[in-house]
């Protein structure tokens, strides 16, 4: 009996998984439509098996849906050129990626290869249609000019998707061939600044202004750079220059309007965005959001509501609304609880989002004192975890006594930099709900120990280097307590995945 007890006491719960584990997690996320999370898990799977063809092909498909065409192309080429030349459908998918990037000649070459090696392949009809379309496009394009324009477009897409190093590389290629292509210089400045290479960013913007002192894009870029650097003197100088500009092109009017919006001058933002719309600017969902936000801050509620309806929760974009920095900023403005757009987003998430965003939204509502919505979710919610959390947040507010299990999540929010930073990592709320279920209503609530365990496993899950001692010290607990709770939480997380209750 003594020997058995010793073995039981020494039992350690493992939290080491293989590539197939992460691949299956990614596929569940993919089937739920959560492409970003799916891609993260596929990346984890590929760290275990970098040459697993099935993983590579699935990741390439997901990246294509996320409009990360360059990376998708690299994976497909690795598959068909290095690993398995029998997977000829990769040529067809390569053609589609190149077509989306505007590389029509590359796309034509790949689709021609596919038709040559698979004359009766599964994608024969689609390939023939793509071939005809590409052939017509190429007839109308001056290929010498299109080469650098195409590379610039690829760089712009990489920049938009946050692949800053790739964007820098592509913009440099354009500038090497066409040094006076100022659009590439302006975008290079943005890419450098986004990487934190401030000096190079400012140098690139100033170079453009030496060539073209009135270049609107360069001036607007400098304004946003100085605003983020809190350089009020230089910001004032640039804003004086912008105030004297009267652009004619709708694109320039829109750029000017979005810059005034960024620095918080909503009157001028509204005026220039309206001018851009009147001149025929492309009013996509992002533009409509700018219009709505500017109108809201200038007191034009009707215009704000009309444009907000057209935003339609960014339904035409690949990312969740909460992923946009301007949405994040709006949600944490001092008067956010009075902003109909914020509450519209939050209430939609409470009822329609995945569990992670639902839980974030409930904590957000509690922080804003919205008891009515909490009560409605507590009464009519369909997800038992979300419904129970709403009820407890409501009871906590009314009793004015902290619920210690809820306090664990609040400690985590503080440690990651506040609710705004937690919003950028919604899976924290999913991890918390597992902690909450492990503790149970009558369990011992070691807030700091559980918060430390949650943060440690979260960081490990998403590949961030850390140590148990570092996290324990940060949360004011001991390594012993952290390690104990890590074992309990790891086991609970594993069981959730085995039972198919996946909502990260």
Protein backbone atom coordinates (compact mmCIF):
# COMPACT_ATOMS: atom_id res chain seq x y z
CA UNK A 1 0.00 0.00 0.00
CA UNK A 2 2.84 2.37 0.86
CA UNK A 3 4.45 1.75 -2.55
CA UNK A 4 1.16 2.43 -4.36
CA UNK A 5 0.68 5.71 -2.49
CA UNK A 6 4.21 6.79 -3.34
CA UNK A 7 3.63 6.10 -7.02
CA UNK A 8 0.32 7.98 -6.90
CA UNK A 9 1.93 10.95 -5.19
CA UNK A 10 4.72 11.06 -7.76
CA UNK A 11 2.34 11.09 -10.73
CA UNK A 12 3.03 13.99 -13.11
CA UNK A 13 0.51 15.11 -15.69
CA UNK A 14 2.12 15.66 -19.07
CA UNK A 15 1.24 18.62 -21.27
CA UNK A 16 3.40 17.65 -24.23
CA UNK A 17 1.49 16.96 -27.45
CA UNK A 18 2.49 15.81 -30.91
CA UNK A 19 1.81 17.26 -34.34
CA UNK A 20 -1.38 15.27 -34.87
CA UNK A 21 -2.85 16.72 -31.68
CA UNK A 22 -2.38 20.29 -32.88
CA UNK A 23 -3.46 19.38 -36.42
CA UNK A 24 -6.79 18.06 -35.13
CA UNK A 25 -7.26 21.13 -32.97
CA UNK A 26 -6.61 23.28 -36.04
CA UNK A 27 -9.11 21.35 -38.12
CA UNK A 28 -11.82 21.79 -35.51
CA UNK A 29 -11.18 25.55 -35.54
CA UNK A 30 -11.20 25.52 -39.35
CA UNK A 31 -14.56 23.76 -39.45
CA UNK A 32 -15.92 26.37 -37.05
CA UNK A 33 -14.71 29.14 -39.38
CA UNK A 34 -12.02 30.42 -36.99
CA UNK A 35 -9.28 30.65 -39.62
CA UNK A 36 -6.73 32.57 -37.58
CA UNK A 37 -6.81 30.09 -34.72
CA UNK A 38 -6.75 27.19 -37.19
CA UNK A 39 -3.62 28.60 -38.81
CA UNK A 40 -1.90 28.97 -35.43
CA UNK A 41 -2.55 25.35 -34.57
CA UNK A 42 -1.39 24.16 -38.00
CA UNK A 43 1.83 26.09 -37.43
CA UNK A 44 2.29 24.23 -34.15
CA UNK A 45 1.67 20.92 -35.92
CA UNK A 46 4.26 21.79 -38.57
CA UNK A 47 6.88 22.43 -35.91
CA UNK A 48 6.60 18.72 -35.06
CA UNK A 49 6.37 17.52 -38.67
CA UNK A 50 7.64 20.25 -41.04
CA UNK A 51 7.42 17.94 -44.07
CA UNK A 52 4.00 16.43 -43.43
CA UNK A 53 2.23 16.96 -46.76
CA UNK A 54 -1.29 16.88 -45.33
CA UNK A 55 -0.45 19.58 -42.80
CA UNK A 56 1.26 21.75 -45.41
CA UNK A 57 -1.62 21.52 -47.89
CA UNK A 58 -4.24 22.33 -45.27
CA UNK A 59 -2.23 25.27 -43.97
CA UNK A 60 -1.80 26.54 -47.54
CA UNK A 61 -5.58 26.40 -48.04
CA UNK A 62 -6.25 28.27 -44.78
CA UNK A 63 -3.65 30.94 -45.58
CA UNK A 64 -5.21 31.45 -48.99
CA UNK A 65 -8.59 32.07 -47.34
CA UNK A 66 -6.87 34.54 -45.01
CA UNK A 67 -5.51 36.27 -48.15
CA UNK A 68 -1.93 35.44 -47.14
CA UNK A 69 -1.18 34.37 -50.68
CA UNK A 70 2.61 34.63 -50.59
CA UNK A 71 2.97 32.25 -47.66
CA UNK A 72 0.42 29.88 -49.17
CA UNK A 73 2.43 29.83 -52.40
CA UNK A 74 5.64 28.96 -50.54
CA UNK A 75 3.99 26.00 -48.82
CA UNK A 76 2.43 24.68 -52.05
CA UNK A 77 5.77 24.92 -53.85
CA UNK A 78 7.45 23.02 -51.06
CA UNK A 79 4.88 20.24 -51.41
CA UNK A 80 4.89 19.80 -55.17
CA UNK A 81 8.53 20.71 -55.92
CA UNK A 82 10.27 19.03 -52.95
CA UNK A 83 8.02 16.46 -51.29
CA UNK A 84 5.43 14.90 -53.58
CA UNK A 85 5.25 15.78 -57.29
CA UNK A 86 2.16 13.58 -57.64
CA UNK A 87 0.03 16.19 -55.83
CA UNK A 88 -0.56 18.01 -59.09
CA UNK A 89 -3.61 19.92 -57.81
CA UNK A 90 -1.06 22.16 -56.08
CA UNK A 91 -0.39 23.75 -59.49
CA UNK A 92 -4.04 24.76 -59.74
CA UNK A 93 -4.02 26.26 -56.24
CA UNK A 94 -0.76 28.06 -57.02
CA UNK A 95 -2.41 29.56 -60.10
CA UNK A 96 -5.31 30.86 -58.01
CA UNK A 97 -2.97 32.44 -55.45
CA UNK A 98 -0.94 34.16 -58.15
CA UNK A 99 -4.14 35.40 -59.81
CA UNK A 100 -5.30 36.99 -56.55
CA UNK A 101 -1.92 38.71 -56.26
CA UNK A 102 -2.21 40.05 -59.81
CA UNK A 103 0.73 37.95 -61.05
CA UNK A 104 -1.16 36.90 -64.15
CA UNK A 105 1.79 35.48 -66.06
CA UNK A 106 2.84 33.31 -63.10
CA UNK A 107 -0.77 32.22 -62.67
CA UNK A 108 -1.02 31.34 -66.38
CA UNK A 109 2.18 29.28 -66.18
CA UNK A 110 0.91 27.29 -63.18
CA UNK A 111 -2.55 26.63 -64.59
CA UNK A 112 -0.96 25.57 -67.89
CA UNK A 113 1.21 23.11 -65.98
CA UNK A 114 -1.85 21.73 -64.23
CA UNK A 115 -3.73 21.24 -67.51
CA UNK A 116 -0.68 19.58 -69.06
CA UNK A 117 -0.13 17.05 -66.27
CA UNK A 118 -3.83 16.55 -65.44
CA UNK A 119 -5.83 16.95 -68.69
CA UNK A 120 -8.80 15.23 -67.03
CA UNK A 121 -8.15 16.34 -63.45
CA UNK A 122 -10.72 17.14 -60.81
CA UNK A 123 -10.33 20.89 -61.46
CA UNK A 124 -10.33 20.68 -65.25
CA UNK A 125 -13.30 23.00 -65.89
CA UNK A 126 -12.19 25.56 -63.29
CA UNK A 127 -8.66 25.48 -64.70
CA UNK A 128 -9.87 26.05 -68.27
CA UNK A 129 -11.97 29.01 -67.15
CA UNK A 130 -9.05 30.47 -65.21
CA UNK A 131 -6.77 29.98 -68.22
CA UNK A 132 -9.17 31.92 -70.50
CA UNK A 133 -9.52 34.74 -68.00
CA UNK A 134 -5.76 35.05 -67.49
CA UNK A 135 -5.03 34.99 -71.21
CA UNK A 136 -7.45 37.88 -71.75
CA UNK A 137 -5.98 39.86 -68.87
CA UNK A 138 -2.41 39.45 -70.08
CA UNK A 139 -3.33 40.74 -73.54
CA UNK A 140 -4.38 44.05 -71.96
CA UNK A 141 -1.34 44.52 -69.74
CA UNK A 142 2.05 45.98 -70.54
CA UNK A 143 4.16 43.25 -68.95
CA UNK A 144 7.24 45.44 -68.33
CA UNK A 145 5.19 47.89 -66.26
CA UNK A 146 3.09 45.25 -64.53
CA UNK A 147 6.06 43.43 -63.00
CA UNK A 148 6.90 46.01 -60.35
CA UNK A 149 3.25 46.95 -59.83
CA UNK A 150 2.48 43.31 -59.11
CA UNK A 151 5.35 43.05 -56.62
CA UNK A 152 4.14 46.24 -54.95
CA UNK A 153 0.64 44.78 -54.61
CA UNK A 154 2.08 41.68 -53.00
CA UNK A 155 3.98 43.91 -50.59
CA UNK A 156 0.83 45.89 -49.80
CA UNK A 157 -1.06 42.68 -49.01
CA UNK A 158 1.78 41.47 -46.78
CA UNK A 159 1.73 44.83 -44.99
CA UNK A 160 -2.03 44.63 -44.51
CA UNK A 161 -1.71 41.14 -43.02
CA UNK A 162 1.04 42.14 -40.59
CA UNK A 163 3.90 40.35 -42.41
CA UNK A 164 6.18 43.36 -42.12
CA UNK A 165 9.53 41.78 -42.95
CA UNK A 166 8.10 40.24 -46.10
CA UNK A 167 6.56 43.61 -47.01
CA UNK A 168 9.90 45.40 -46.55
CA UNK A 169 11.62 42.87 -48.80
CA UNK A 170 9.03 43.29 -51.57
CA UNK A 171 8.98 47.09 -51.40
CA UNK A 172 12.76 47.15 -51.61
CA UNK A 173 12.60 45.05 -54.78
CA UNK A 174 10.22 47.57 -56.32
CA UNK A 175 12.35 50.53 -55.28
CA UNK A 176 15.49 48.91 -56.69
CA UNK A 177 13.86 48.70 -60.13
CA UNK A 178 11.74 51.85 -59.86
CA UNK A 179 13.35 54.21 -57.30
CA UNK A 180 10.85 56.97 -58.10
CA UNK A 181 7.79 54.80 -57.43
CA UNK A 182 6.75 56.83 -54.37
CA UNK A 183 3.89 54.53 -53.35
CA UNK A 184 6.45 51.82 -52.56
CA UNK A 185 8.56 54.28 -50.56
CA UNK A 186 5.50 55.36 -48.53
CA UNK A 187 4.50 51.79 -47.81
CA UNK A 188 8.09 50.93 -46.92
CA UNK A 189 7.93 53.68 -44.28
CA UNK A 190 4.77 52.13 -42.79
CA UNK A 191 6.32 48.65 -42.76
CA UNK A 192 9.46 49.91 -41.02
CA UNK A 193 7.45 51.79 -38.41
CA UNK A 194 5.27 48.74 -37.77
CA UNK A 195 8.45 46.72 -37.10
CA UNK A 196 9.64 49.35 -34.63
CA UNK A 197 12.45 50.56 -36.92
CA UNK A 198 11.50 54.17 -36.33
CA UNK A 199 14.58 55.82 -37.80
CA UNK A 200 14.29 54.03 -41.12
CA UNK A 201 10.56 54.79 -41.26
CA UNK A 202 11.09 58.51 -40.78
CA UNK A 203 13.97 58.49 -43.27
CA UNK A 204 11.80 56.79 -45.92
CA UNK A 205 8.98 59.31 -45.43
CA UNK A 206 11.36 62.28 -45.56
CA UNK A 207 12.94 60.90 -48.76
CA UNK A 208 9.53 61.01 -50.43
CA UNK A 209 8.98 64.59 -49.29
CA UNK A 210 12.34 65.61 -50.76
CA UNK A 211 11.12 64.32 -54.12
CA UNK A 212 7.56 65.59 -53.69
CA UNK A 213 7.15 68.16 -50.84
CA UNK A 214 3.35 67.99 -51.01
CA UNK A 215 3.03 64.21 -51.08
CA UNK A 216 -0.13 63.56 -49.06
CA UNK A 217 0.64 59.95 -48.19
CA UNK A 218 4.10 60.81 -46.82
CA UNK A 219 2.76 63.71 -44.76
CA UNK A 220 -0.09 61.61 -43.40
CA UNK A 221 2.32 58.80 -42.54
CA UNK A 222 4.54 61.23 -40.65
CA UNK A 223 1.53 62.56 -38.77
CA UNK A 224 0.56 59.09 -37.55
CA UNK A 225 4.20 58.27 -36.71
CA UNK A 226 4.68 61.44 -34.62
CA UNK A 227 1.29 60.89 -32.94
CA UNK A 228 2.28 57.40 -31.85
CA UNK A 229 5.72 58.62 -30.76
CA UNK A 230 4.04 61.37 -28.71
CA UNK A 231 6.22 63.92 -30.53
CA UNK A 232 3.85 66.88 -30.25
CA UNK A 233 6.23 69.45 -31.74
CA UNK A 234 6.80 67.59 -34.99
CA UNK A 235 3.16 66.48 -35.11
CA UNK A 236 2.04 70.13 -34.93
CA UNK A 237 4.36 71.07 -37.80
CA UNK A 238 3.07 68.25 -40.02
CA UNK A 239 -0.58 68.99 -39.18
CA UNK A 240 -0.06 72.64 -40.19
CA UNK A 241 1.15 71.39 -43.58
CA UNK A 242 -1.83 69.06 -43.92
CA UNK A 243 -4.22 71.87 -43.00
CA UNK A 244 -3.06 73.79 -46.07
CA UNK A 245 -3.72 70.93 -48.51
CA UNK A 246 -6.80 70.70 -50.73
CA UNK A 247 -6.53 67.41 -52.61
CA UNK A 248 -8.66 66.63 -55.65
CA UNK A 249 -8.38 62.85 -55.91
CA UNK A 250 -10.86 60.86 -53.79
CA UNK A 251 -8.05 58.56 -52.58
CA UNK A 252 -6.12 61.55 -51.24
CA UNK A 253 -9.22 62.99 -49.57
CA UNK A 254 -9.83 59.67 -47.88
CA UNK A 255 -6.21 59.41 -46.70
CA UNK A 256 -6.41 62.90 -45.25
CA UNK A 257 -9.70 62.11 -43.54
CA UNK A 258 -8.44 58.87 -42.01
CA UNK A 259 -5.34 60.68 -40.70
CA UNK A 260 -7.39 63.38 -38.99
CA UNK A 261 -9.50 60.57 -37.54
CA UNK A 262 -6.38 58.82 -36.24
CA UNK A 263 -5.11 61.89 -34.39
CA UNK A 264 -8.59 62.66 -33.00
CA UNK A 265 -9.57 65.73 -35.08
CA UNK A 266 -13.03 64.43 -35.90
CA UNK A 267 -14.41 67.62 -37.47
CA UNK A 268 -11.75 67.67 -40.18
CA UNK A 269 -11.92 63.90 -40.50
CA UNK A 270 -15.66 64.07 -41.17
CA UNK A 271 -15.26 66.88 -43.71
CA UNK A 272 -12.59 65.10 -45.76
CA UNK A 273 -14.22 61.69 -45.61
CA UNK A 274 -17.46 63.19 -46.87
CA UNK A 275 -15.51 64.90 -49.67
CA UNK A 276 -13.87 61.58 -50.58
CA UNK A 277 -17.28 59.88 -50.72
CA UNK A 278 -18.70 62.69 -52.86
CA UNK A 279 -15.78 62.42 -55.28
CA UNK A 280 -16.35 58.69 -55.75
CA UNK A 281 -14.04 57.02 -53.22
CA UNK A 282 -14.47 53.28 -52.78
CA UNK A 283 -16.71 53.01 -49.74
CA UNK A 284 -15.77 49.59 -48.40
CA UNK A 285 -16.57 48.43 -44.87
CA UNK A 286 -13.46 50.04 -43.35
CA UNK A 287 -14.22 53.39 -45.01
CA UNK A 288 -17.80 53.22 -43.72
CA UNK A 289 -16.47 52.61 -40.23
CA UNK A 290 -14.29 55.71 -40.49
CA UNK A 291 -17.34 57.67 -41.60
CA UNK A 292 -19.45 56.28 -38.76
CA UNK A 293 -16.83 57.01 -36.10
CA UNK A 294 -16.19 60.55 -37.35
CA UNK A 295 -19.94 61.24 -37.56
CA UNK A 296 -20.50 59.87 -34.05
CA UNK A 297 -17.82 62.12 -32.56
CA UNK A 298 -19.19 65.18 -34.36
CA UNK A 299 -22.73 64.59 -33.12
CA UNK A 300 -24.26 63.38 -36.40
CA UNK A 301 -26.00 60.31 -35.01
CA UNK A 302 -28.07 59.66 -38.13
CA UNK A 303 -25.04 59.61 -40.43
CA UNK A 304 -23.13 57.47 -37.94
CA UNK A 305 -25.93 54.90 -37.78
CA UNK A 306 -26.37 54.83 -41.55
CA UNK A 307 -22.68 54.14 -42.14
CA UNK A 308 -22.47 51.67 -39.27
CA UNK A 309 -25.19 49.57 -40.91
CA UNK A 310 -23.00 49.36 -44.01
CA UNK A 311 -20.04 48.19 -41.94
CA UNK A 312 -22.10 45.05 -41.18
CA UNK A 313 -19.62 43.90 -38.54
CA UNK A 314 -16.84 43.71 -41.20
CA UNK A 315 -18.55 40.66 -42.68
CA UNK A 316 -16.64 41.03 -45.94
CA UNK A 317 -13.25 40.98 -44.18
CA UNK A 318 -11.32 37.89 -43.07
CA UNK A 319 -10.80 39.10 -39.50
CA UNK A 320 -13.07 39.35 -36.48
CA UNK A 321 -14.16 42.97 -35.72
CA UNK A 322 -12.33 42.89 -32.39
CA UNK A 323 -9.04 42.35 -34.26
CA UNK A 324 -9.07 45.88 -35.72
CA UNK A 325 -7.02 48.40 -33.72
CA UNK A 326 -9.50 51.24 -34.31
CA UNK A 327 -12.31 49.06 -32.94
CA UNK A 328 -10.16 48.20 -29.92
CA UNK A 329 -9.41 51.90 -29.37
CA UNK A 330 -13.10 52.81 -29.70
CA UNK A 331 -14.12 50.18 -27.17
CA UNK A 332 -11.85 51.66 -24.53
CA UNK A 333 -12.56 55.35 -25.00
CA UNK A 334 -13.82 57.11 -21.83
CA UNK A 335 -17.42 57.28 -23.12
CA UNK A 336 -17.44 53.83 -24.73
CA UNK A 337 -20.54 52.69 -22.84
CA UNK A 338 -22.51 55.51 -24.53
CA UNK A 339 -21.27 54.59 -28.02
CA UNK A 340 -23.98 52.63 -29.84
CA UNK A 341 -21.39 50.96 -32.10
CA UNK A 342 -19.50 49.54 -29.12
CA UNK A 343 -22.62 48.22 -27.45
CA UNK A 344 -23.87 46.87 -30.78
CA UNK A 345 -20.66 44.87 -31.19
CA UNK A 346 -20.66 43.63 -27.61
CA UNK A 347 -24.31 42.57 -27.62
CA UNK A 348 -23.86 40.76 -30.93
CA UNK A 349 -20.93 38.83 -29.48
CA UNK A 350 -22.84 37.92 -26.32
CA UNK A 351 -25.44 36.10 -28.39
CA UNK A 352 -23.64 35.07 -31.57
CA UNK A 353 -19.90 34.89 -30.88
CA UNK A 354 -17.77 31.95 -29.86
CA UNK A 355 -17.45 31.28 -26.15
CA UNK A 356 -14.15 33.11 -25.72
CA UNK A 357 -15.52 36.38 -27.12
CA UNK A 358 -18.82 35.85 -25.28
CA UNK A 359 -17.00 35.64 -21.96
CA UNK A 360 -14.88 38.70 -22.75
CA UNK A 361 -18.08 40.58 -23.61
CA UNK A 362 -19.69 39.64 -20.28
CA UNK A 363 -16.69 40.88 -18.29
CA UNK A 364 -16.74 44.04 -20.41
CA UNK A 365 -20.46 44.61 -19.75
CA UNK A 366 -19.91 44.11 -16.02
CA UNK A 367 -17.11 46.69 -16.04
CA UNK A 368 -19.49 49.17 -17.72
CA UNK A 369 -22.32 48.45 -15.31
CA UNK A 370 -24.75 47.06 -17.91
CA UNK A 371 -26.90 44.99 -15.57
CA UNK A 372 -29.80 44.80 -18.03
CA UNK A 373 -27.84 42.84 -20.65
CA UNK A 374 -26.23 40.64 -18.00
CA UNK A 375 -29.68 39.82 -16.64
CA UNK A 376 -31.00 39.02 -20.12
CA UNK A 377 -28.12 36.63 -20.83
CA UNK A 378 -28.44 35.05 -17.37
CA UNK A 379 -32.12 34.42 -18.10
CA UNK A 380 -32.15 33.51 -21.80
CA UNK A 381 -28.61 32.41 -22.65
CA UNK A 382 -28.24 29.08 -24.44
CA UNK A 383 -24.62 28.26 -23.49
CA UNK A 384 -24.60 27.06 -19.87
CA UNK A 385 -21.11 28.45 -19.18
CA UNK A 386 -21.94 31.88 -20.63
CA UNK A 387 -25.32 31.93 -18.89
CA UNK A 388 -23.78 30.98 -15.53
CA UNK A 389 -21.02 33.56 -15.85
CA UNK A 390 -23.55 36.31 -16.63
CA UNK A 391 -25.57 35.33 -13.55
CA UNK A 392 -22.51 35.40 -11.29
CA UNK A 393 -21.29 38.76 -12.65
CA UNK A 394 -24.75 40.17 -12.00
CA UNK A 395 -24.93 38.74 -8.47
CA UNK A 396 -21.47 40.07 -7.74
CA UNK A 397 -22.49 43.59 -8.76
CA UNK A 398 -25.67 43.50 -6.71
CA UNK A 399 -24.03 41.98 -3.62
CA UNK A 400 -21.01 44.28 -3.93
CA UNK A 401 -18.87 41.34 -2.86
CA UNK A 402 -16.17 39.94 -5.17
CA UNK A 403 -16.59 36.45 -6.59
CA UNK A 404 -13.09 35.04 -6.08
CA UNK A 405 -13.30 32.77 -9.14
CA UNK A 406 -14.15 35.79 -11.29
CA UNK A 407 -11.24 37.62 -9.67
CA UNK A 408 -8.85 35.09 -11.21
CA UNK A 409 -9.75 36.37 -14.68
CA UNK A 410 -9.39 39.96 -13.54
CA UNK A 411 -5.90 39.21 -12.25
CA UNK A 412 -5.03 37.72 -15.62
CA UNK A 413 -6.41 40.80 -17.41
CA UNK A 414 -4.21 43.04 -15.28
CA UNK A 415 -1.10 40.92 -15.87
CA UNK A 416 -1.44 40.93 -19.67
CA UNK A 417 -1.83 44.73 -19.70
CA UNK A 418 -5.55 45.30 -19.10
CA UNK A 419 -8.82 44.41 -20.80
CA UNK A 420 -7.72 45.90 -24.10
CA UNK A 421 -4.70 43.58 -24.30
CA UNK A 422 -6.81 40.63 -23.10
CA UNK A 423 -9.21 41.32 -25.97
CA UNK A 424 -6.36 40.67 -28.40
CA UNK A 425 -6.00 37.18 -26.88
CA UNK A 426 -9.57 35.96 -26.30
CA UNK A 427 -8.46 32.40 -25.63
CA UNK A 428 -7.49 33.63 -22.15
CA UNK A 429 -11.18 33.67 -21.30
CA UNK A 430 -11.57 30.10 -22.54
CA UNK A 431 -8.69 28.99 -20.35
CA UNK A 432 -10.28 30.82 -17.42
CA UNK A 433 -13.60 29.01 -17.89
CA UNK A 434 -11.75 25.69 -17.60
CA UNK A 435 -10.05 26.91 -14.41
CA UNK A 436 -13.46 27.99 -13.14
CA UNK A 437 -14.96 24.56 -13.80
CA UNK A 438 -12.02 22.78 -12.15
CA UNK A 439 -12.36 24.86 -8.96
CA UNK A 440 -16.13 24.56 -8.79
CA UNK A 441 -18.43 26.57 -6.51
CA UNK A 442 -17.15 25.01 -3.28
CA UNK A 443 -13.50 24.73 -4.22
CA UNK A 444 -10.48 26.43 -2.67
CA UNK A 445 -9.90 29.67 -4.55
CA UNK A 446 -6.16 30.31 -4.68
CA UNK A 447 -6.53 33.32 -7.00
CA UNK A 448 -2.85 34.08 -7.57
CA UNK A 449 -1.89 30.43 -7.97
CA UNK A 450 -4.63 29.72 -10.49
CA UNK A 451 -3.97 32.97 -12.40
CA UNK A 452 -0.29 32.01 -12.62
CA UNK A 453 -1.13 28.51 -13.87
CA UNK A 454 -3.49 29.93 -16.49
CA UNK A 455 -0.90 32.41 -17.77
CA UNK A 456 1.85 29.81 -17.80
CA UNK A 457 -0.11 27.24 -19.81
CA UNK A 458 -1.47 29.93 -22.14
CA UNK A 459 2.04 31.14 -22.93
CA UNK A 460 3.29 27.60 -23.43
CA UNK A 461 0.31 26.72 -25.63
CA UNK A 462 1.05 29.59 -27.99
CA UNK A 463 4.80 29.13 -28.12
CA UNK A 464 5.95 31.99 -25.88
CA UNK A 465 9.13 31.32 -23.91
CA UNK A 466 8.67 31.64 -20.16
CA UNK A 467 9.44 29.84 -16.89
CA UNK A 468 7.32 28.77 -13.97
CA UNK A 469 9.44 30.85 -11.59
CA UNK A 470 9.06 33.96 -13.72
CA UNK A 471 5.25 33.64 -13.81
CA UNK A 472 5.02 32.71 -10.11
CA UNK A 473 7.08 35.77 -9.11
CA UNK A 474 4.97 37.99 -11.37
CA UNK A 475 1.73 36.81 -9.76
CA UNK A 476 3.04 36.74 -6.20
CA UNK A 477 2.69 33.00 -5.69
CA UNK A 478 5.01 30.02 -5.31
CA UNK A 479 6.32 27.65 -7.96
CA UNK A 480 4.86 24.78 -5.94
CA UNK A 481 1.34 26.20 -6.13
CA UNK A 482 1.69 27.09 -9.80
CA UNK A 483 2.96 23.61 -10.66
CA UNK A 484 0.11 21.97 -8.72
CA UNK A 485 -2.53 24.00 -10.57
CA UNK A 486 -0.79 23.51 -13.94
CA UNK A 487 -1.23 19.77 -13.53
CA UNK A 488 -4.94 20.13 -12.74
CA UNK A 489 -5.57 22.62 -15.55
CA UNK A 490 -3.58 20.63 -18.14
CA UNK A 491 -5.61 17.52 -17.36
CA UNK A 492 -8.87 19.46 -17.65
CA UNK A 493 -7.85 21.02 -20.96
CA UNK A 494 -6.91 17.62 -22.37
CA UNK A 495 -10.28 16.22 -21.35
CA UNK A 496 -12.08 19.13 -23.03
CA UNK A 497 -10.31 18.33 -26.29
CA UNK A 498 -10.98 14.60 -25.99
CA UNK A 499 -14.68 15.25 -25.37
CA UNK A 500 -14.87 17.59 -28.38
CA UNK A 501 -15.75 20.62 -26.24
CA UNK A 502 -13.43 22.92 -28.18
CA UNK A 503 -13.95 26.66 -28.21
CA UNK A 504 -10.50 28.24 -28.06
